[in-house]
Amino acid sequence: MTEKIKGPASYFPSIEAKYGRPVAEWQEMIRARSGMKHMELVAWLKQEHGLGHGHANALVAATLKPAGK
């Protein structure tokens, strides 16, 4: 039996399908904008790349999440 994916990662398949970039590429772009706060990054993804709020928030949350959590 396969365990269901929970949390921000549950959005990843639809993000890749809708916006045409792999999640790793989005995360690389987010990390390149160091110094920006969570909601600033969400706003940037929405304004510059046309992501919806939920998708942008999921990417930022997963990218900024401390290791092991």
N, C-alpha and C. Protein backbone atom coordinates (compact mmCIF):
# COMPACT_ATOMS: atom_id res chain seq x y z
N MET A 1 0.84 -1.18 0.00
CA MET A 1 0.00 0.00 0.00
C MET A 1 0.89 1.25 0.00
N THR A 2 0.56 2.22 -0.83
CA THR A 2 1.33 3.45 -0.93
C THR A 2 0.78 4.48 0.03
N GLU A 3 1.70 5.13 0.78
CA GLU A 3 1.28 6.16 1.72
C GLU A 3 0.98 7.44 0.96
N LYS A 4 -0.13 8.08 1.30
CA LYS A 4 -0.54 9.31 0.64
C LYS A 4 0.39 10.46 1.03
N ILE A 5 0.79 11.26 0.04
CA ILE A 5 1.65 12.41 0.29
C ILE A 5 0.82 13.49 0.95
N LYS A 6 1.39 14.10 1.99
CA LYS A 6 0.69 15.15 2.74
C LYS A 6 1.50 16.44 2.71
N GLY A 7 0.88 17.51 3.11
CA GLY A 7 1.56 18.79 3.23
C GLY A 7 1.85 19.42 1.88
N PRO A 8 2.80 20.36 1.85
CA PRO A 8 3.10 21.09 0.62
C PRO A 8 3.45 20.20 -0.57
N ALA A 9 4.10 19.08 -0.31
CA ALA A 9 4.50 18.19 -1.40
C ALA A 9 3.31 17.61 -2.16
N SER A 10 2.14 17.61 -1.54
CA SER A 10 0.95 17.09 -2.23
C SER A 10 0.58 17.95 -3.43
N TYR A 11 1.06 19.19 -3.47
CA TYR A 11 0.79 20.10 -4.59
C TYR A 11 1.77 19.91 -5.75
N PHE A 12 2.88 19.25 -5.52
CA PHE A 12 3.96 19.21 -6.52
C PHE A 12 3.55 18.65 -7.89
N PRO A 13 2.82 17.55 -7.95
CA PRO A 13 2.44 17.05 -9.29
C PRO A 13 1.63 18.07 -10.09
N SER A 14 0.69 18.74 -9.44
CA SER A 14 -0.13 19.71 -10.17
C SER A 14 0.67 20.96 -10.52
N ILE A 15 1.63 21.35 -9.68
CA ILE A 15 2.48 22.50 -9.99
C ILE A 15 3.30 22.21 -11.24
N GLU A 16 3.91 21.03 -11.30
CA GLU A 16 4.72 20.67 -12.46
C GLU A 16 3.86 20.60 -13.72
N ALA A 17 2.67 20.04 -13.61
CA ALA A 17 1.79 19.91 -14.78
C ALA A 17 1.29 21.26 -15.26
N LYS A 18 0.92 22.12 -14.34
CA LYS A 18 0.31 23.41 -14.71
C LYS A 18 1.32 24.43 -15.21
N TYR A 19 2.50 24.47 -14.59
CA TYR A 19 3.47 25.54 -14.90
C TYR A 19 4.66 25.07 -15.72
N GLY A 20 4.77 23.76 -15.96
CA GLY A 20 5.76 23.23 -16.89
C GLY A 20 7.21 23.24 -16.44
N ARG A 21 7.44 23.39 -15.16
CA ARG A 21 8.81 23.33 -14.63
C ARG A 21 8.84 22.31 -13.49
N PRO A 22 9.95 21.61 -13.35
CA PRO A 22 10.06 20.68 -12.21
C PRO A 22 10.17 21.45 -10.90
N VAL A 23 9.71 20.84 -9.84
CA VAL A 23 9.74 21.47 -8.51
C VAL A 23 11.17 21.88 -8.14
N ALA A 24 12.15 21.05 -8.49
CA ALA A 24 13.54 21.37 -8.16
C ALA A 24 13.97 22.71 -8.77
N GLU A 25 13.48 23.00 -9.96
CA GLU A 25 13.81 24.27 -10.61
C GLU A 25 13.16 25.44 -9.86
N TRP A 26 11.90 25.28 -9.47
CA TRP A 26 11.24 26.33 -8.68
C TRP A 26 11.99 26.56 -7.37
N GLN A 27 12.39 25.47 -6.72
CA GLN A 27 13.09 25.60 -5.44
C GLN A 27 14.44 26.28 -5.61
N GLU A 28 15.13 26.00 -6.69
CA GLU A 28 16.40 26.65 -6.98
C GLU A 28 16.19 28.17 -7.15
N MET A 29 15.13 28.54 -7.84
CA MET A 29 14.81 29.95 -8.04
C MET A 29 14.49 30.63 -6.71
N ILE A 30 13.76 29.94 -5.84
CA ILE A 30 13.41 30.49 -4.53
C ILE A 30 14.67 30.67 -3.68
N ARG A 31 15.54 29.67 -3.67
CA ARG A 31 16.78 29.76 -2.87
C ARG A 31 17.69 30.89 -3.37
N ALA A 32 17.63 31.19 -4.65
CA ALA A 32 18.46 32.25 -5.23
C ALA A 32 18.04 33.63 -4.74
N ARG A 33 16.85 33.74 -4.19
CA ARG A 33 16.34 35.01 -3.69
C ARG A 33 16.47 35.06 -2.17
N SER A 34 17.63 34.70 -1.67
CA SER A 34 17.86 34.67 -0.23
C SER A 34 17.63 36.05 0.36
N GLY A 35 17.19 36.08 1.58
CA GLY A 35 16.93 37.34 2.26
C GLY A 35 15.47 37.77 2.18
N MET A 36 14.72 37.17 1.28
CA MET A 36 13.29 37.50 1.18
C MET A 36 12.51 36.66 2.18
N LYS A 37 11.48 37.25 2.73
CA LYS A 37 10.62 36.54 3.67
C LYS A 37 9.61 35.67 2.91
N HIS A 38 9.01 34.75 3.65
CA HIS A 38 8.08 33.79 3.08
C HIS A 38 7.03 34.46 2.18
N MET A 39 6.29 35.41 2.72
CA MET A 39 5.21 36.03 1.94
C MET A 39 5.74 36.90 0.81
N GLU A 40 6.94 37.42 0.94
CA GLU A 40 7.56 38.16 -0.17
C GLU A 40 7.84 37.20 -1.34
N LEU A 41 8.31 36.02 -1.02
CA LEU A 41 8.57 35.01 -2.04
C LEU A 41 7.27 34.54 -2.69
N VAL A 42 6.23 34.37 -1.90
CA VAL A 42 4.93 33.98 -2.44
C VAL A 42 4.44 35.05 -3.42
N ALA A 43 4.52 36.31 -3.00
CA ALA A 43 4.09 37.41 -3.86
C ALA A 43 4.91 37.46 -5.15
N TRP A 44 6.21 37.24 -5.04
CA TRP A 44 7.10 37.24 -6.22
C TRP A 44 6.69 36.14 -7.20
N LEU A 45 6.45 34.93 -6.70
CA LEU A 45 6.05 33.83 -7.57
C LEU A 45 4.72 34.13 -8.25
N LYS A 46 3.80 34.74 -7.53
CA LYS A 46 2.50 35.08 -8.09
C LYS A 46 2.62 36.17 -9.16
N GLN A 47 3.35 37.22 -8.84
CA GLN A 47 3.46 38.37 -9.74
C GLN A 47 4.33 38.09 -10.95
N GLU A 48 5.49 37.49 -10.73
CA GLU A 48 6.45 37.31 -11.82
C GLU A 48 6.24 36.04 -12.64
N HIS A 49 5.64 35.03 -12.02
CA HIS A 49 5.52 33.74 -12.69
C HIS A 49 4.09 33.23 -12.84
N GLY A 50 3.13 34.00 -12.33
CA GLY A 50 1.72 33.65 -12.51
C GLY A 50 1.22 32.47 -11.71
N LEU A 51 1.91 32.08 -10.66
CA LEU A 51 1.45 30.97 -9.84
C LEU A 51 0.26 31.41 -8.99
N GLY A 52 -0.61 30.46 -8.70
CA GLY A 52 -1.70 30.71 -7.77
C GLY A 52 -1.15 30.77 -6.36
N HIS A 53 -1.92 31.33 -5.45
CA HIS A 53 -1.44 31.50 -4.08
C HIS A 53 -1.09 30.17 -3.41
N GLY A 54 -1.96 29.18 -3.53
CA GLY A 54 -1.70 27.88 -2.89
C GLY A 54 -0.45 27.21 -3.41
N HIS A 55 -0.25 27.25 -4.72
CA HIS A 55 0.94 26.65 -5.31
C HIS A 55 2.20 27.39 -4.89
N ALA A 56 2.16 28.71 -4.92
CA ALA A 56 3.32 29.50 -4.52
C ALA A 56 3.65 29.26 -3.05
N ASN A 57 2.63 29.25 -2.21
CA ASN A 57 2.84 29.04 -0.78
C ASN A 57 3.42 27.65 -0.51
N ALA A 58 2.93 26.64 -1.21
CA ALA A 58 3.43 25.27 -1.02
C ALA A 58 4.90 25.17 -1.41
N LEU A 59 5.27 25.78 -2.52
CA LEU A 59 6.68 25.75 -2.95
C LEU A 59 7.58 26.44 -1.94
N VAL A 60 7.18 27.62 -1.49
CA VAL A 60 8.01 28.37 -0.52
C VAL A 60 8.10 27.61 0.79
N ALA A 61 6.99 27.10 1.28
CA ALA A 61 7.00 26.36 2.55
C ALA A 61 7.92 25.15 2.48
N ALA A 62 7.84 24.39 1.40
CA ALA A 62 8.66 23.19 1.27
C ALA A 62 10.14 23.56 1.10
N THR A 63 10.40 24.65 0.42
CA THR A 63 11.79 25.06 0.17
C THR A 63 12.44 25.61 1.43
N LEU A 64 11.72 26.37 2.21
CA LEU A 64 12.29 27.01 3.40
C LEU A 64 12.22 26.15 4.64
N LYS A 65 11.51 25.02 4.55
CA LYS A 65 11.35 24.13 5.71
C LYS A 65 12.71 23.62 6.18
N PRO A 66 12.99 23.74 7.48
CA PRO A 66 14.25 23.23 8.00
C PRO A 66 14.38 21.72 7.76
N ALA A 67 15.58 21.26 7.53
CA ALA A 67 15.83 19.84 7.29
C ALA A 67 15.36 19.01 8.47
N GLY A 68 14.76 17.87 8.16
CA GLY A 68 14.32 16.96 9.21
C GLY A 68 12.94 17.27 9.78
N LYS A 69 12.27 18.26 9.24
CA LYS A 69 10.92 18.60 9.77
C LYS A 69 9.88 18.34 8.76
